[in-house]
Amino acid sequence: MIEISNLTKRFAQHTAVDDLSFQVQRGEVLGFLGPNGAGKSTTMKMLTGFLAPTSGTASILGHDIRTQTLQAQRQIGYLPEGAPCYGDMTVRGFLEFIAEVRGFRGADKRQRVGAAVAQVELENVLGQSIETLSKGFKRRVGLAQAILHDPQVLILDEPTDGLDPNQKHQVRQLIQGLAQDKIVIISTHILEEVSAVCTRAVVIAQGRLVADSTPLELESRSKYHQAVTL
């Protein structure tokens, strides 16, 4: 599981994440909700070892992200916000490069790339450079590199932001398929995404935890739930 305990991050005078604690179990799809600037991306960057916390700890499947960073990172597939990739590389070249970074060679590398390409349906654009792809396909390339090594934990930051309705539906279906045997954390500020994909929702505001419940329970707490206005 993932365990976050009293996680805090300060930048000069600004506290981005403030004493955050929660756990995520295998098989859960956790929606990480909050307005822009709530601290979602900062929390994810700390979880992946990209940012060091000011205080507190986080562990990924028993590996402390501060003292066992590499072991923790081997368990994680990470899709950062905006799905950044090397635009001048072809889709195949980029995925083969990522496979090599992850330590795969020869037939093993080809098998891993082929499996990821098939899962996110990238066969028709393998020879294209990434900068020529649509937003939806760029997001798929980002997802392919995140799942290439079959990680136990998937951390996805705004995976459908800026996509058209069809692309959103495809990416959500893909996430649901991947979630069968993994821990998935999705950062979003789109409420419909949480009810469509997630089994649990954690809401943060100004870096602090304000709610932790199922999407249905969160909806029912709203004064507008099943309300009718005349």
Protein backbone atom coordinates (compact mmCIF):
# COMPACT_ATOMS: atom_id res chain seq x y z
CA MET A 1 0.00 0.00 0.00
CA ILE A 2 0.90 3.68 -0.03
CA GLU A 3 1.19 5.37 3.33
CA ILE A 4 1.48 9.15 3.73
CA SER A 5 2.17 10.44 7.21
CA ASN A 6 2.27 14.14 8.25
CA LEU A 7 3.62 15.12 4.82
CA THR A 8 4.51 18.84 4.64
CA LYS A 9 6.15 21.00 1.96
CA ARG A 10 7.03 24.67 2.39
CA PHE A 11 8.38 27.03 -0.25
CA ALA A 12 9.84 30.14 1.47
CA GLN A 13 6.77 31.72 3.12
CA HIS A 14 4.22 29.50 1.36
CA THR A 15 3.04 26.11 2.71
CA ALA A 16 1.93 24.05 -0.31
CA VAL A 17 1.18 20.81 1.59
CA ASP A 18 0.28 20.99 5.27
CA ASP A 19 0.51 17.89 7.54
CA LEU A 20 -1.18 15.50 5.07
CA SER A 21 -1.88 11.88 6.15
CA PHE A 22 -3.77 9.05 4.40
CA GLN A 23 -3.33 5.48 3.11
CA VAL A 24 -4.17 3.82 -0.22
CA GLN A 25 -4.66 0.06 -0.60
CA ARG A 26 -4.14 -2.21 -3.61
CA GLY A 27 -7.17 -2.26 -5.94
CA GLU A 28 -8.25 1.27 -4.98
CA VAL A 29 -8.55 4.08 -7.51
CA LEU A 30 -8.07 7.21 -5.45
CA GLY A 31 -9.31 10.52 -6.79
CA PHE A 32 -7.11 13.30 -5.43
CA LEU A 33 -9.36 16.36 -5.62
CA GLY A 34 -8.92 20.05 -5.01
CA PRO A 35 -8.92 23.46 -6.70
CA ASN A 36 -5.88 24.72 -8.60
CA GLY A 37 -3.14 25.55 -6.11
CA ALA A 38 -4.48 23.14 -3.46
CA GLY A 39 -1.21 21.17 -3.35
CA LYS A 40 -2.15 18.14 -5.48
CA SER A 41 0.80 18.22 -7.88
CA THR A 42 3.24 19.02 -5.05
CA THR A 43 2.01 15.96 -3.12
CA MET A 44 2.44 13.78 -6.21
CA LYS A 45 5.95 15.11 -6.82
CA MET A 46 6.87 14.20 -3.24
CA LEU A 47 5.29 10.74 -3.62
CA THR A 48 7.42 10.06 -6.71
CA GLY A 49 10.64 11.33 -5.13
CA PHE A 50 10.84 14.35 -7.46
CA LEU A 51 10.52 16.80 -4.53
CA ALA A 52 11.85 16.24 -1.02
CA PRO A 53 9.29 16.92 1.74
CA THR A 54 10.04 19.59 4.36
CA SER A 55 8.82 17.13 7.00
CA GLY A 56 6.80 13.92 7.27
CA THR A 57 7.16 10.67 5.37
CA ALA A 58 5.65 8.67 2.51
CA SER A 59 6.21 5.00 1.72
CA ILE A 60 5.43 3.06 -1.46
CA LEU A 61 4.86 -0.67 -0.83
CA GLY A 62 7.07 -0.45 2.26
CA HIS A 63 9.86 1.63 0.65
CA ASP A 64 10.43 5.04 2.25
CA ILE A 65 10.51 7.68 -0.49
CA ARG A 66 13.28 9.64 1.30
CA THR A 67 15.69 6.83 2.27
CA GLN A 68 14.83 4.17 -0.35
CA THR A 69 14.00 6.46 -3.26
CA LEU A 70 15.13 4.18 -6.10
CA GLN A 71 13.36 1.09 -4.73
CA ALA A 72 10.15 3.12 -4.36
CA GLN A 73 10.45 4.63 -7.85
CA ARG A 74 10.79 1.16 -9.41
CA GLN A 75 7.25 0.42 -8.17
CA ILE A 76 5.77 3.61 -9.68
CA GLY A 77 4.45 4.59 -13.08
CA TYR A 78 4.13 8.39 -13.20
CA LEU A 79 2.28 10.57 -15.68
CA PRO A 80 3.10 14.22 -14.85
CA GLU A 81 0.69 17.05 -15.59
CA GLY A 82 0.58 17.78 -19.34
CA ALA A 83 2.23 14.42 -20.21
CA PRO A 84 5.65 15.90 -21.12
CA CYS A 85 7.60 13.86 -23.70
CA TYR A 86 10.54 14.54 -26.04
CA GLY A 87 8.71 16.06 -29.03
CA ASP A 88 11.44 15.43 -31.62
CA MET A 89 11.49 11.66 -30.93
CA THR A 90 9.18 9.20 -32.67
CA VAL A 91 6.67 7.36 -30.49
CA ARG A 92 8.59 4.08 -30.95
CA GLY A 93 11.97 5.74 -30.29
CA PHE A 94 10.70 7.41 -27.12
CA LEU A 95 9.14 4.25 -25.69
CA GLU A 96 12.26 2.20 -26.48
CA PHE A 97 14.36 4.88 -24.76
CA ILE A 98 12.11 4.70 -21.65
CA ALA A 99 12.33 0.88 -21.69
CA GLU A 100 16.15 1.12 -21.70
CA VAL A 101 16.07 3.64 -18.84
CA ARG A 102 13.98 1.08 -16.93
CA GLY A 103 16.67 -1.56 -17.58
CA PHE A 104 15.09 -3.63 -20.38
CA ARG A 105 17.18 -4.89 -23.32
CA GLY A 106 16.73 -6.99 -26.47
CA ALA A 107 13.62 -9.15 -26.75
CA ASP A 108 12.46 -8.09 -23.28
CA LYS A 109 12.51 -4.43 -24.36
CA ARG A 110 10.57 -5.17 -27.57
CA GLN A 111 7.98 -7.19 -25.64
CA ARG A 112 7.47 -4.40 -23.06
CA VAL A 113 7.12 -1.69 -25.71
CA GLY A 114 4.75 -3.85 -27.78
CA ALA A 115 2.52 -4.62 -24.77
CA ALA A 116 2.29 -0.93 -23.74
CA VAL A 117 1.57 0.16 -27.36
CA ALA A 118 -1.22 -2.42 -27.65
CA GLN A 119 -2.78 -1.42 -24.31
CA VAL A 120 -3.10 2.25 -25.23
CA GLU A 121 -3.66 1.66 -28.99
CA LEU A 122 -0.68 3.54 -30.43
CA GLU A 123 0.04 1.16 -33.36
CA ASN A 124 -0.98 3.70 -36.05
CA VAL A 125 1.36 6.50 -34.85
CA LEU A 126 4.54 4.58 -33.91
CA GLY A 127 6.60 6.21 -36.68
CA GLN A 128 5.35 9.77 -36.04
CA SER A 129 7.30 12.33 -34.06
CA ILE A 130 5.55 13.15 -30.78
CA GLU A 131 5.29 16.88 -31.54
CA THR A 132 3.01 16.13 -34.53
CA LEU A 133 0.47 14.16 -32.41
CA SER A 134 -2.86 15.41 -31.11
CA LYS A 135 -3.27 16.11 -27.38
CA GLY A 136 -5.10 12.83 -26.93
CA PHE A 137 -2.34 10.78 -28.54
CA LYS A 138 0.36 12.64 -26.56
CA ARG A 139 -1.51 11.71 -23.38
CA ARG A 140 -1.61 8.09 -24.54
CA VAL A 141 2.16 8.14 -25.13
CA GLY A 142 2.55 9.48 -21.58
CA LEU A 143 0.37 6.65 -20.27
CA ALA A 144 2.34 4.08 -22.28
CA GLN A 145 5.65 5.16 -20.72
CA ALA A 146 4.02 5.06 -17.26
CA ILE A 147 2.80 1.44 -17.63
CA LEU A 148 5.77 0.12 -19.64
CA HIS A 149 7.43 -1.67 -16.69
CA ASP A 150 4.10 -2.99 -15.29
CA PRO A 151 4.31 -0.95 -12.06
CA GLN A 152 2.31 -1.76 -8.93
CA VAL A 153 1.48 1.93 -8.40
CA LEU A 154 0.18 4.38 -11.02
CA ILE A 155 0.27 8.11 -10.24
CA LEU A 156 -1.56 10.19 -12.86
CA ASP A 157 -1.62 13.99 -12.65
CA GLU A 158 -4.61 15.51 -14.53
CA PRO A 159 -4.68 12.60 -17.05
CA THR A 160 -7.65 13.92 -19.09
CA ASP A 161 -7.13 17.69 -18.76
CA GLY A 162 -7.69 19.42 -22.12
CA LEU A 163 -8.97 16.32 -23.93
CA ASP A 164 -12.18 16.19 -25.97
CA PRO A 165 -15.11 14.07 -24.65
CA ASN A 166 -14.22 11.01 -26.77
CA GLN A 167 -10.56 11.12 -25.69
CA LYS A 168 -11.59 11.54 -22.03
CA HIS A 169 -13.83 8.47 -22.28
CA GLN A 170 -11.02 6.40 -23.86
CA VAL A 171 -8.46 7.42 -21.23
CA ARG A 172 -10.94 6.71 -18.38
CA GLN A 173 -11.71 3.27 -19.79
CA LEU A 174 -7.99 2.58 -20.01
CA ILE A 175 -7.45 3.63 -16.38
CA GLN A 176 -10.30 1.38 -15.21
CA GLY A 177 -8.72 -1.54 -17.07
CA LEU A 178 -5.31 -0.85 -15.50
CA ALA A 179 -6.76 -0.53 -12.00
CA GLN A 180 -7.64 -4.20 -11.57
CA ASP A 181 -4.45 -5.17 -9.72
CA LYS A 182 -2.72 -1.85 -9.04
CA ILE A 183 -2.93 1.14 -6.77
CA VAL A 184 -4.01 4.13 -8.88
CA ILE A 185 -3.96 7.77 -7.75
CA ILE A 186 -5.54 10.32 -10.08
CA SER A 187 -5.17 14.03 -9.43
CA THR A 188 -8.03 16.03 -10.89
CA HIS A 189 -10.35 18.98 -10.37
CA ILE A 190 -13.03 17.46 -12.64
CA LEU A 191 -15.79 16.08 -10.40
CA GLU A 192 -17.37 13.88 -13.10
CA GLU A 193 -14.02 12.10 -13.48
CA VAL A 194 -14.08 11.03 -9.84
CA SER A 195 -17.56 9.49 -10.07
CA ALA A 196 -16.67 7.88 -13.44
CA VAL A 197 -13.36 6.26 -12.44
CA CYS A 198 -12.60 6.42 -8.72
CA THR A 199 -13.59 4.15 -5.82
CA ARG A 200 -12.53 6.75 -3.24
CA ALA A 201 -11.96 10.49 -3.13
CA VAL A 202 -9.60 12.58 -1.00
CA VAL A 203 -10.22 16.34 -1.10
CA ILE A 204 -7.51 18.83 -0.17
CA ALA A 205 -7.65 22.61 0.04
CA GLN A 206 -4.73 24.93 0.86
CA GLY A 207 -2.59 21.84 1.38
CA ARG A 208 -4.81 20.30 4.09
CA LEU A 209 -7.07 17.24 4.01
CA VAL A 210 -10.73 18.29 4.15
CA ALA A 211 -12.58 15.08 3.12
CA ASP A 212 -11.91 11.37 2.57
CA SER A 213 -14.84 9.25 1.40
CA THR A 214 -16.44 7.42 -1.52
CA PRO A 215 -17.60 9.64 -4.42
CA LEU A 216 -21.26 8.80 -3.65
CA GLU A 217 -20.93 9.74 0.04
CA LEU A 218 -19.23 13.01 -0.90
CA GLU A 219 -22.04 13.83 -3.35
CA SER A 220 -24.70 13.06 -0.75
CA ARG A 221 -23.13 15.56 1.67
CA SER A 222 -23.82 18.38 -0.78
CA LYS A 223 -26.95 20.46 -0.13
CA TYR A 224 -27.63 20.20 -3.89
CA HIS A 225 -27.63 16.37 -3.94
CA GLN A 226 -30.93 15.22 -5.53
CA ALA A 227 -32.28 18.74 -5.05
CA VAL A 228 -34.85 20.22 -7.40
CA THR A 229 -34.98 23.97 -8.12
CA LEU A 230 -38.25 25.55 -9.28
